[in-house]
Protein backbone atom coordinates (compact mmCIF):
# COMPACT_ATOMS: atom_id res chain seq x y z
CA MET A 1 -23.71 11.66 -15.63
CA THR A 2 -22.23 8.55 -14.84
CA ARG A 3 -19.60 8.27 -11.60
CA VAL A 4 -16.59 6.64 -11.62
CA VAL A 5 -14.79 6.48 -8.34
CA VAL A 6 -11.31 6.54 -8.16
CA ALA A 7 -9.28 5.07 -4.91
CA GLY A 8 -5.94 6.81 -4.06
CA ALA A 9 -4.88 10.30 -5.04
CA GLY A 10 -1.36 9.90 -5.60
CA PRO A 11 -0.04 10.56 -9.56
CA VAL A 12 -1.79 7.06 -10.67
CA GLY A 13 -4.93 8.01 -9.24
CA LEU A 14 -5.18 11.98 -9.97
CA SER A 15 -4.14 11.03 -13.31
CA ALA A 16 -7.21 8.79 -14.12
CA ALA A 17 -9.49 11.37 -12.37
CA LEU A 18 -8.37 14.29 -14.78
CA ALA A 19 -8.32 12.48 -17.95
CA LEU A 20 -12.06 11.09 -17.15
CA ALA A 21 -13.21 14.73 -15.66
CA ARG A 22 -11.48 16.24 -19.29
CA ARG A 23 -13.84 13.82 -20.98
CA GLY A 24 -17.19 15.14 -19.05
CA VAL A 25 -17.13 12.11 -16.70
CA ALA A 26 -18.11 12.94 -13.04
CA VAL A 27 -15.39 11.53 -10.65
CA THR A 28 -15.03 11.26 -7.27
CA VAL A 29 -11.38 10.61 -5.86
CA LEU A 30 -11.12 8.96 -2.33
CA LYS A 31 -8.06 9.72 -0.11
CA GLN A 32 -7.09 8.09 2.80
CA GLY A 33 -5.07 10.81 4.16
CA ALA A 34 -6.10 14.34 5.18
CA GLY A 35 -4.05 16.03 2.25
CA LEU A 36 -1.71 14.58 -0.58
CA ALA A 37 1.33 12.67 0.08
CA ALA A 38 4.33 15.07 0.69
CA GLU A 39 7.11 12.00 0.29
CA SER A 40 9.26 12.58 -2.70
CA ARG A 41 9.14 9.02 -3.82
CA ALA A 42 9.60 8.79 -7.58
CA SER A 43 11.46 11.43 -9.47
CA THR A 44 11.79 10.73 -13.01
CA PHE A 45 9.40 11.62 -15.96
CA HIS A 46 9.78 9.89 -19.26
CA PRO A 47 8.99 11.28 -22.57
CA PRO A 48 5.88 9.46 -23.19
CA THR A 49 4.28 10.29 -19.56
CA LEU A 50 5.33 14.35 -20.25
CA GLU A 51 3.14 13.65 -23.58
CA LEU A 52 0.43 12.38 -21.68
CA LEU A 53 0.67 14.98 -19.32
CA ALA A 54 0.54 17.52 -22.02
CA ARG A 55 -2.70 16.14 -23.15
CA LEU A 56 -4.33 16.68 -19.80
CA GLY A 57 -2.95 20.20 -19.67
CA VAL A 58 -0.43 20.28 -16.92
CA VAL A 59 2.83 19.57 -18.34
CA THR A 60 3.84 23.03 -18.57
CA GLU A 61 3.80 23.24 -14.46
CA LEU A 62 5.53 20.33 -14.21
CA LEU A 63 8.42 21.63 -16.78
CA ALA A 64 8.47 24.74 -14.55
CA ALA A 65 8.91 22.71 -11.36
CA GLY A 66 11.72 20.20 -12.39
CA ILE A 67 14.76 19.76 -13.71
CA VAL A 68 15.33 19.01 -17.78
CA ALA A 69 17.75 16.42 -17.95
CA ALA A 70 18.75 15.66 -21.46
CA THR A 71 21.36 13.00 -20.81
CA PHE A 72 22.39 10.23 -18.24
CA GLN A 73 25.14 8.27 -17.64
CA TYR A 74 26.77 4.88 -17.15
CA ARG A 75 29.62 5.40 -14.60
CA GLU A 76 32.21 3.16 -12.88
CA ARG A 77 32.38 3.01 -9.31
CA GLY A 78 35.51 5.43 -8.10
CA GLY A 79 36.14 6.30 -12.06
CA ALA A 80 34.74 8.44 -14.68
CA ALA A 81 31.85 8.11 -16.87
CA VAL A 82 31.29 4.72 -19.03
CA ALA A 83 29.04 5.94 -21.57
CA THR A 84 26.60 8.83 -21.92
CA LEU A 85 23.31 8.65 -23.25
CA ASP A 86 21.87 11.77 -25.24
CA LEU A 87 17.95 11.40 -25.40
CA GLY A 88 18.12 14.00 -28.24
CA VAL A 89 18.19 10.96 -30.49
CA LEU A 90 14.14 10.77 -29.76
CA ALA A 91 13.87 14.06 -31.34
CA ASP A 92 11.85 12.60 -34.03
CA ASP A 93 10.09 10.13 -31.68
CA THR A 94 8.54 12.62 -29.54
CA PRO A 95 8.05 16.52 -28.59
CA TYR A 96 10.02 16.04 -25.71
CA PRO A 97 13.29 14.43 -26.06
CA TYR A 98 14.43 14.51 -22.56
CA ARG A 99 13.63 13.37 -18.60
CA VAL A 100 12.29 16.00 -16.44
CA GLN A 101 13.44 15.41 -12.61
CA CYS A 102 10.84 16.20 -10.24
CA GLU A 103 9.31 14.69 -7.18
CA GLN A 104 5.97 13.37 -7.32
CA SER A 105 4.69 15.26 -4.75
CA LYS A 106 4.87 18.28 -6.62
CA LEU A 107 2.92 16.82 -9.46
CA THR A 108 -0.13 15.46 -7.51
CA PRO A 109 -1.05 19.24 -6.41
CA ILE A 110 -0.98 20.46 -10.15
CA LEU A 111 -2.98 17.28 -10.97
CA LEU A 112 -5.68 18.11 -8.16
CA ARG A 113 -5.58 21.86 -9.15
CA ALA A 114 -6.42 20.97 -12.72
CA LEU A 115 -9.39 18.79 -11.94
CA PRO A 116 -12.86 20.52 -13.11
CA ALA A 117 -15.52 21.27 -10.99
CA HIS A 118 -17.02 18.23 -11.43
CA ALA A 119 -14.43 16.16 -10.20
CA GLU A 120 -14.33 15.81 -6.47
CA VAL A 121 -11.62 14.92 -4.02
CA TRP A 122 -12.81 13.54 -0.70
CA PHE A 123 -9.63 13.60 1.97
CA GLY A 124 -9.88 11.46 5.05
CA HIS A 125 -12.14 8.42 3.13
CA ARG A 126 -10.04 5.22 3.84
CA VAL A 127 -11.40 2.54 1.23
CA GLU A 128 -12.44 -0.28 3.63
CA GLY A 129 -14.30 -2.66 1.63
CA VAL A 130 -15.41 -3.11 -1.89
CA ARG A 131 -18.75 -4.89 -3.49
CA ALA A 132 -19.13 -5.17 -7.03
CA ASP A 133 -22.54 -6.15 -8.93
CA GLY A 134 -23.70 -6.23 -12.65
CA ASP A 135 -24.87 -2.34 -11.88
CA GLY A 136 -21.93 -0.67 -10.46
CA VAL A 137 -19.65 -0.89 -7.31
CA THR A 138 -20.38 -0.18 -3.38
CA VAL A 139 -17.45 1.49 -1.73
CA SER A 140 -17.24 1.37 1.69
CA THR A 141 -15.32 3.81 3.67
CA THR A 142 -14.56 5.48 7.23
CA TRP A 143 -17.31 8.11 6.12
CA GLY A 144 -20.00 5.78 4.95
CA ARG A 145 -20.37 4.06 1.57
CA VAL A 146 -20.26 5.31 -1.78
CA ARG A 147 -22.10 4.15 -4.92
CA ALA A 148 -20.66 4.18 -8.30
CA ASP A 149 -20.74 2.71 -11.67
CA TRP A 150 -17.30 1.82 -11.78
CA LEU A 151 -14.13 1.89 -9.37
CA ILE A 152 -10.63 2.43 -10.80
CA GLY A 153 -8.31 1.11 -7.67
CA ALA A 154 -5.30 3.14 -7.50
CA ASP A 155 -4.42 2.70 -4.19
CA GLY A 156 -0.78 1.39 -3.94
CA ALA A 157 0.78 -1.92 -3.44
CA HIS A 158 -1.17 -2.73 -0.43
CA SER A 159 -4.54 -1.87 -2.42
CA VAL A 160 -7.61 -2.41 -0.63
CA VAL A 161 -9.20 -2.56 -4.24
CA ARG A 162 -7.20 -5.07 -5.08
CA ALA A 163 -7.78 -7.47 -2.41
CA ALA A 164 -11.43 -7.05 -1.84
CA VAL A 165 -12.16 -8.12 -5.81
CA GLY A 166 -10.04 -11.23 -4.84
CA ALA A 167 -7.20 -10.49 -7.02
CA GLY A 168 -3.84 -12.26 -6.89
CA PHE A 169 -0.43 -10.46 -6.64
CA ASP A 170 2.35 -13.10 -7.36
CA GLY A 171 6.01 -12.43 -7.75
CA SER A 172 9.01 -12.15 -5.29
CA THR A 173 11.28 -9.86 -3.53
CA TYR A 174 14.56 -9.12 -3.61
CA PRO A 175 16.87 -10.39 -1.07
CA GLU A 176 18.41 -6.65 -0.55
CA ARG A 177 16.87 -3.74 0.96
CA PHE A 178 17.06 -0.33 -0.89
CA LEU A 179 18.59 2.73 1.02
CA VAL A 180 17.53 6.11 -0.53
CA ALA A 181 19.25 9.37 0.98
CA SER A 182 18.25 13.03 0.07
CA VAL A 183 21.15 14.81 0.41
CA ASP A 184 21.87 18.95 0.66
CA GLU A 185 24.69 18.67 -1.49
CA ASP A 186 26.00 20.09 -5.01
CA LEU A 187 27.45 16.85 -6.59
CA THR A 188 28.00 18.47 -9.78
CA ALA A 189 31.33 19.58 -7.87
CA ALA A 190 32.34 17.01 -5.70
CA LEU A 191 32.19 14.50 -8.81
CA PRO A 192 32.76 16.76 -12.15
CA GLY A 193 31.01 15.69 -15.31
CA ILE A 194 28.00 13.97 -13.75
CA ALA A 195 25.10 13.85 -15.23
CA PRO A 196 21.39 14.74 -13.68
CA ILE A 197 20.86 10.48 -13.84
CA ASN A 198 23.58 8.30 -13.11
CA TYR A 199 23.81 4.76 -12.53
CA VAL A 200 27.15 3.45 -10.83
CA PHE A 201 27.90 0.16 -11.83
CA ASP A 202 29.58 -2.38 -8.80
CA PRO A 203 28.97 -5.96 -7.97
CA VAL A 204 29.64 -5.34 -4.61
CA GLU A 205 28.18 -2.00 -3.81
CA TRP A 206 26.02 -0.36 -6.77
CA LEU A 207 24.17 2.83 -6.76
CA VAL A 208 22.59 5.55 -8.28
CA LEU A 209 22.74 9.19 -8.25
CA LEU A 210 19.95 11.71 -9.11
CA ARG A 211 19.41 15.16 -9.21
CA THR A 212 16.10 16.63 -8.06
CA PRO A 213 15.31 20.50 -7.90
CA GLU A 214 16.44 21.09 -4.46
CA GLN A 215 18.52 17.94 -3.74
CA TRP A 216 20.44 14.97 -4.87
CA ARG A 217 19.04 11.34 -4.06
CA VAL A 218 21.58 8.72 -3.56
CA LEU A 219 20.59 4.99 -3.94
CA LEU A 220 22.20 1.98 -2.50
CA PRO A 221 21.45 -1.66 -1.71
CA ALA A 222 21.59 -2.69 2.08
CA PRO A 223 21.61 -5.91 3.42
CA GLY A 224 18.08 -7.65 4.01
CA ASP A 225 18.70 -9.06 7.58
CA THR A 226 20.60 -5.72 9.14
CA ASP A 227 17.96 -3.85 11.11
CA ASP A 228 17.34 -0.08 9.77
CA ALA A 229 19.09 1.68 12.85
CA THR A 230 22.85 -0.33 11.88
CA GLU A 231 22.16 0.80 8.25
CA ILE A 232 21.23 4.62 9.04
CA ARG A 233 24.25 4.75 11.18
CA ARG A 234 26.57 3.25 8.76
CA LEU A 235 25.37 5.51 5.79
CA PRO A 236 27.46 8.80 6.40
CA ASP A 237 30.65 6.41 6.24
CA ARG A 238 28.95 4.90 2.16
CA LEU A 239 28.43 8.39 0.84
CA THR A 240 31.92 9.50 1.89
CA GLU A 241 33.06 6.33 -0.32
CA VAL A 242 31.27 7.81 -2.93
CA ALA A 243 32.53 11.14 -2.94
CA ASP A 244 35.04 12.38 0.05
CA LEU A 245 33.90 15.92 0.56
CA GLY A 246 36.50 16.41 3.49
CA ARG A 247 33.33 16.62 5.87
CA PRO A 248 30.27 14.59 6.81
CA TRP A 249 27.66 14.95 3.94
CA ARG A 250 24.34 16.84 4.52
CA LEU A 251 21.94 14.36 4.92
CA SER A 252 18.23 15.46 4.73
CA HIS A 253 16.41 12.45 5.15
CA ALA A 254 17.17 8.47 4.71
CA SER A 255 14.65 5.64 4.76
CA LEU A 256 14.77 1.71 3.79
CA TYR A 257 12.43 -0.45 1.77
CA ARG A 258 11.79 -3.89 0.60
CA VAL A 259 11.73 -3.94 -3.21
CA HIS A 260 9.33 -6.27 -4.96
CA GLN A 261 8.32 -7.74 -8.38
CA ARG A 262 4.74 -8.83 -8.71
CA VAL A 263 1.67 -8.61 -10.55
CA THR A 264 -1.82 -8.99 -10.25
CA GLU A 265 -3.54 -11.34 -13.05
CA ARG A 266 -5.65 -9.02 -14.87
CA PHE A 267 -6.34 -5.30 -14.56
CA ARG A 268 -10.08 -5.37 -15.05
CA HIS A 269 -12.51 -7.37 -12.75
CA GLY A 270 -16.25 -6.32 -13.95
CA ARG A 271 -16.58 -2.91 -12.87
CA VAL A 272 -13.46 -2.57 -11.30
CA LEU A 273 -10.28 -1.40 -12.83
CA LEU A 274 -6.69 -1.80 -11.23
CA ALA A 275 -3.51 0.46 -12.00
CA GLY A 276 -0.38 1.92 -10.92
CA ASP A 277 1.36 -0.25 -7.58
CA ALA A 278 -2.05 -1.30 -7.25
CA ALA A 279 -1.88 -3.58 -10.21
CA HIS A 280 1.55 -3.69 -10.33
CA VAL A 281 5.23 -3.30 -8.39
CA ASN A 282 8.88 -3.54 -9.72
CA ASN A 283 12.14 -2.22 -8.63
CA PRO A 284 12.73 1.70 -9.32
CA LEU A 285 16.04 1.00 -11.53
CA GLY A 286 15.33 2.66 -14.72
CA GLY A 287 12.32 5.08 -13.34
CA LEU A 288 9.53 2.59 -14.51
CA GLY A 289 7.35 2.58 -11.84
CA MET A 290 5.49 5.72 -11.49
CA ASN A 291 5.61 6.27 -15.34
CA SER A 292 4.03 3.31 -16.35
CA GLY A 293 1.67 3.54 -13.60
CA ILE A 294 0.29 7.06 -15.47
CA HIS A 295 0.12 4.99 -18.59
CA ASP A 296 -1.87 2.58 -16.73
CA ALA A 297 -4.02 5.19 -15.74
CA VAL A 298 -4.87 7.49 -18.97
CA THR A 299 -5.18 4.04 -20.79
CA LEU A 300 -7.74 2.49 -18.82
CA ALA A 301 -9.40 6.15 -18.01
CA GLU A 302 -9.71 6.98 -21.78
CA ALA A 303 -10.72 3.33 -22.52
CA LEU A 304 -13.77 3.71 -19.96
CA ALA A 305 -14.58 7.28 -21.02
CA ASP A 306 -14.87 5.54 -24.93
CA VAL A 307 -17.29 3.27 -23.28
CA LEU A 308 -19.34 5.74 -21.31
CA SER A 309 -19.91 7.06 -24.61
CA GLY A 310 -21.18 4.14 -26.70
CA ALA A 311 -18.15 2.08 -27.95
CA PRO A 312 -18.37 -1.64 -26.79
CA GLU A 313 -16.53 -2.88 -23.89
CA ALA A 314 -14.24 -4.63 -25.76
CA ARG A 315 -12.49 -1.30 -25.87
CA LEU A 316 -11.82 -1.70 -22.02
CA ASP A 317 -10.78 -5.18 -22.13
CA ALA A 318 -8.29 -4.33 -24.83
CA ALA A 319 -6.93 -1.19 -22.92
CA ALA A 320 -6.87 -3.49 -19.61
CA ALA A 321 -5.12 -6.50 -21.28
CA HIS A 322 -2.33 -4.66 -22.98
CA ARG A 323 -1.77 -2.80 -20.01
CA HIS A 324 -1.14 -6.33 -18.40
CA ARG A 325 1.03 -7.22 -20.72
CA VAL A 326 3.04 -4.38 -20.86
CA ALA A 327 3.61 -4.79 -16.86
CA VAL A 328 4.49 -8.40 -17.57
CA GLU A 329 6.69 -8.25 -20.78
CA HIS A 330 8.29 -4.90 -20.20
CA VAL A 331 8.34 -2.86 -17.01
CA GLN A 332 8.76 -6.25 -14.96
CA ALA A 333 11.41 -7.75 -17.31
CA THR A 334 13.05 -4.46 -17.77
CA SER A 335 13.47 -3.32 -14.65
CA ASP A 336 14.67 -6.87 -12.91
CA ALA A 337 17.24 -6.97 -16.25
CA ASN A 338 18.57 -3.27 -14.38
CA TYR A 339 18.77 -4.78 -11.48
CA ARG A 340 20.94 -7.62 -12.36
CA ARG A 341 22.93 -5.40 -14.67
CA MET A 342 23.94 -3.17 -12.04
CA ARG A 343 25.12 -5.87 -9.53
CA GLY A 344 26.87 -7.79 -12.65
CA ASP A 345 30.43 -7.60 -14.11
CA LEU A 346 30.90 -3.87 -15.52
CA ASN A 347 33.51 -5.49 -18.31
CA ALA A 348 30.49 -7.60 -19.51
CA PHE A 349 28.44 -4.40 -19.96
CA ARG A 350 31.02 -1.48 -21.05
CA ASP A 351 31.31 -2.37 -24.47
CA GLN A 352 27.80 -2.32 -24.74
CA VAL A 353 26.83 1.08 -23.66
CA ARG A 354 30.05 2.41 -25.40
CA ARG A 355 28.51 1.09 -28.43
CA LEU A 356 25.21 2.26 -28.09
CA ALA A 357 26.72 5.99 -26.98
CA ALA A 358 28.39 6.16 -30.54
CA ASP A 359 25.82 4.56 -32.43
CA PRO A 360 22.61 7.35 -32.48
CA ALA A 361 20.19 4.44 -34.23
CA ALA A 362 21.16 1.62 -31.80
CA ALA A 363 20.77 4.57 -29.17
CA ARG A 364 17.18 5.58 -30.47
CA ASP A 365 15.83 1.83 -30.63
CA HIS A 366 17.18 1.25 -26.84
CA LEU A 367 16.16 4.41 -25.34
CA ARG A 368 12.48 3.92 -27.05
CA ARG A 369 12.20 1.17 -24.96
CA ALA A 370 13.87 2.29 -22.08
CA CYS A 371 11.71 5.24 -21.93
CA LEU A 372 8.44 3.31 -22.59
CA ILE A 373 7.51 5.17 -25.96
CA ASP A 374 6.67 1.83 -27.51
CA THR A 375 4.60 0.83 -24.79
CA LEU A 376 1.77 3.15 -25.40
CA ARG A 377 -0.59 2.45 -28.19
CA VAL A 378 -3.10 -0.34 -27.79
CA PRO A 379 -3.67 -3.08 -30.42
CA GLY A 380 -6.97 -2.62 -32.23
CA ALA A 381 -7.72 1.23 -30.75
CA GLU A 382 -8.28 3.95 -33.07
CA ARG A 383 -5.31 6.41 -31.25
CA LEU A 384 -3.29 6.44 -28.42
CA PRO A 385 -4.72 5.88 -25.19
């Protein structure tokens, strides 16, 4: 059996491993840490991602762990909803006409449990180097070398695999940082009528409110030139400005991070494939990062399995080129447009979203793009990835 090594055991790496293993390919996953990451990070699953997870046999468990979000809202800062979009208009396009709100840290154990016996996960194996040749790939780890026929780099934005193959990572960094707060509050009581997913427009201080199974998450911009401690001290007052509860909000966790828009020049380098944040990163507005990363993983893994079954390598080239095109033309472009819209004039956007909400056909076209439904099919492939 041909062995494929996957670097990284996040949603992207484990999705790739499971897709390969279900096709009978022997897979070894290398994970730097002693266990799966516990951070919540991404928390929105779009309809086509649910379809892929159904094909991998894990969607039922994810649905049980998460919250179904059939609608999302555009809201005005300090005001009511401007428009509510109903994902039910996608009922003819997908068996999952909704988003699921669930932290990615709840998906990874589900994927891990679903791996069959011929797939292994080696924890505590940090990738330190990669050497590829015409016959395969040698991966150097903290515990020695691993020889494989193919390597999938799903080891995040600071990918050792990407650096080892000499791939670039061009792009830019936003001037603002993003501040994410997880709160133990019932915002449906504080903000009546609120949806599970809310984009709140304001040219000075936009925000996003997302419900997860146990908490709400608040995403706010923060200046790029202040220290983290200052912004954390300011956070209680900023949360009170979102909704005055008559007391400080119950804050369980907060973190700040810089946001980049970057993409590598190609997703295949000989026997090495790049997927997810190892290949492209973008801002989180619209929830495109993890979702497109899982799409990368399953698309490339299925194409690789086809090649290992005798298909020409052009099948893999087409899949890699397609995912690069999606990253540049859709994920990067859409997430950046979402960011600029959040910071812009609400008046310029109000009428547009109200028309969308009132026109099911227009809403369907918009949501097909926003939810990544239109980006999965690989041109020239006989079936979906």
